[in-house]
Amino acid sequence: MNKNLTKNTRMQIMNNQVFTFVCGAFPLITFPVLLQRGQFIDITCQSGPITIRIGCGNRFDFRVATFNLRAGQAVQVSCIG
């Protein structure tokens, strides 16, 4: 899935979907995250600056983590609930 991201984006993924957010051109390090329904994470890419909130399902009830990425880092988010 390719999606154009603006400065502040809120995005939901559904059950069994996986989304990888890459800061910069090529991911050298990828951090995996598993979310259940209602959980979300916040990601900031320093090279952007872009801030994105990714949640599992259509509710954003509980923040699990906050990532502050540099170029070459990525977060792979899986929705399992």
Protein backbone atom coordinates (compact mmCIF):
# COMPACT_ATOMS: atom_id res chain seq x y z
CA MET A 1 0.00 0.00 0.00
CA ASN A 2 1.46 3.35 -1.03
CA LYS A 3 -0.08 6.39 0.59
CA ASN A 4 0.97 10.02 0.32
CA LEU A 5 1.51 11.45 3.76
CA THR A 6 1.17 15.07 4.72
CA LYS A 7 2.61 16.81 7.75
CA ASN A 8 0.06 15.35 10.18
CA THR A 9 -1.75 12.19 9.13
CA ARG A 10 -4.02 9.83 11.02
CA MET A 11 -4.34 6.39 9.49
CA GLN A 12 -6.18 3.24 10.46
CA ILE A 13 -5.29 -0.30 9.50
CA MET A 14 -7.70 -3.17 9.86
CA ASN A 15 -7.40 -6.76 11.11
CA ASN A 16 -4.53 -8.70 9.50
CA GLN A 17 -3.18 -5.67 7.64
CA VAL A 18 0.46 -4.61 7.81
CA PHE A 19 1.79 -1.11 7.13
CA THR A 20 5.46 -0.12 6.97
CA PHE A 21 6.42 3.52 7.49
CA VAL A 22 9.93 4.36 6.27
CA CYS A 23 11.76 7.53 7.23
CA GLY A 24 14.10 8.38 4.37
CA ALA A 25 14.68 6.35 1.22
CA PHE A 26 15.90 2.95 2.42
CA PRO A 27 15.15 1.23 5.73
CA LEU A 28 18.28 -0.01 7.47
CA ILE A 29 16.55 -0.74 10.78
CA THR A 30 12.90 -1.79 11.11
CA PHE A 31 11.02 -1.82 14.41
CA PRO A 32 8.07 -4.26 14.46
CA VAL A 33 4.89 -3.31 16.35
CA LEU A 34 1.79 -5.45 16.98
CA LEU A 35 -1.42 -3.57 17.74
CA GLN A 36 -4.79 -4.77 18.95
CA ARG A 37 -8.07 -3.02 18.23
CA GLY A 38 -8.19 0.46 19.78
CA GLN A 39 -4.40 0.79 20.18
CA PHE A 40 -2.30 3.28 18.23
CA ILE A 41 1.26 4.58 17.88
CA ASP A 42 2.64 8.01 17.02
CA ILE A 43 5.59 8.28 14.62
CA THR A 44 7.67 11.37 13.86
CA CYS A 45 10.16 11.40 10.99
CA GLN A 46 12.89 13.98 11.60
CA SER A 47 13.79 14.30 7.93
CA GLY A 48 10.17 15.27 7.05
CA PRO A 49 9.06 16.67 9.33
CA ILE A 50 6.11 14.26 9.25
CA THR A 51 4.01 13.06 12.16
CA ILE A 52 1.69 10.11 11.63
CA ARG A 53 -0.68 8.32 13.99
CA ILE A 54 -1.40 4.70 13.04
CA GLY A 55 -4.18 2.82 14.80
CA CYS A 56 -5.69 -0.64 14.70
CA GLY A 57 -9.37 -0.45 13.77
CA ASN A 58 -11.50 2.68 13.74
CA ARG A 59 -10.89 3.76 17.37
CA PHE A 60 -7.77 5.40 18.78
CA ASP A 61 -8.17 4.71 22.52
CA PHE A 62 -4.74 3.76 23.88
CA ARG A 63 -1.28 4.92 22.74
CA VAL A 64 1.19 2.03 22.91
CA ALA A 65 4.38 3.82 21.83
CA THR A 66 5.89 6.94 20.31
CA PHE A 67 8.68 6.66 17.74
CA ASN A 68 11.05 9.47 16.74
CA LEU A 69 12.71 8.14 13.59
CA ARG A 70 15.78 9.28 11.70
CA ALA A 71 16.57 8.60 8.05
CA GLY A 72 17.09 4.88 7.49
CA GLN A 73 14.69 3.76 10.21
CA ALA A 74 11.24 2.23 9.74
CA VAL A 75 8.29 0.96 11.75
CA GLN A 76 6.28 -2.05 10.57
CA VAL A 77 2.82 -2.03 12.15
CA SER A 78 0.56 -5.09 12.22
CA CYS A 79 -3.06 -5.08 13.33
CA ILE A 80 -3.95 -8.37 15.02
CA GLY A 81 -7.30 -7.64 16.59
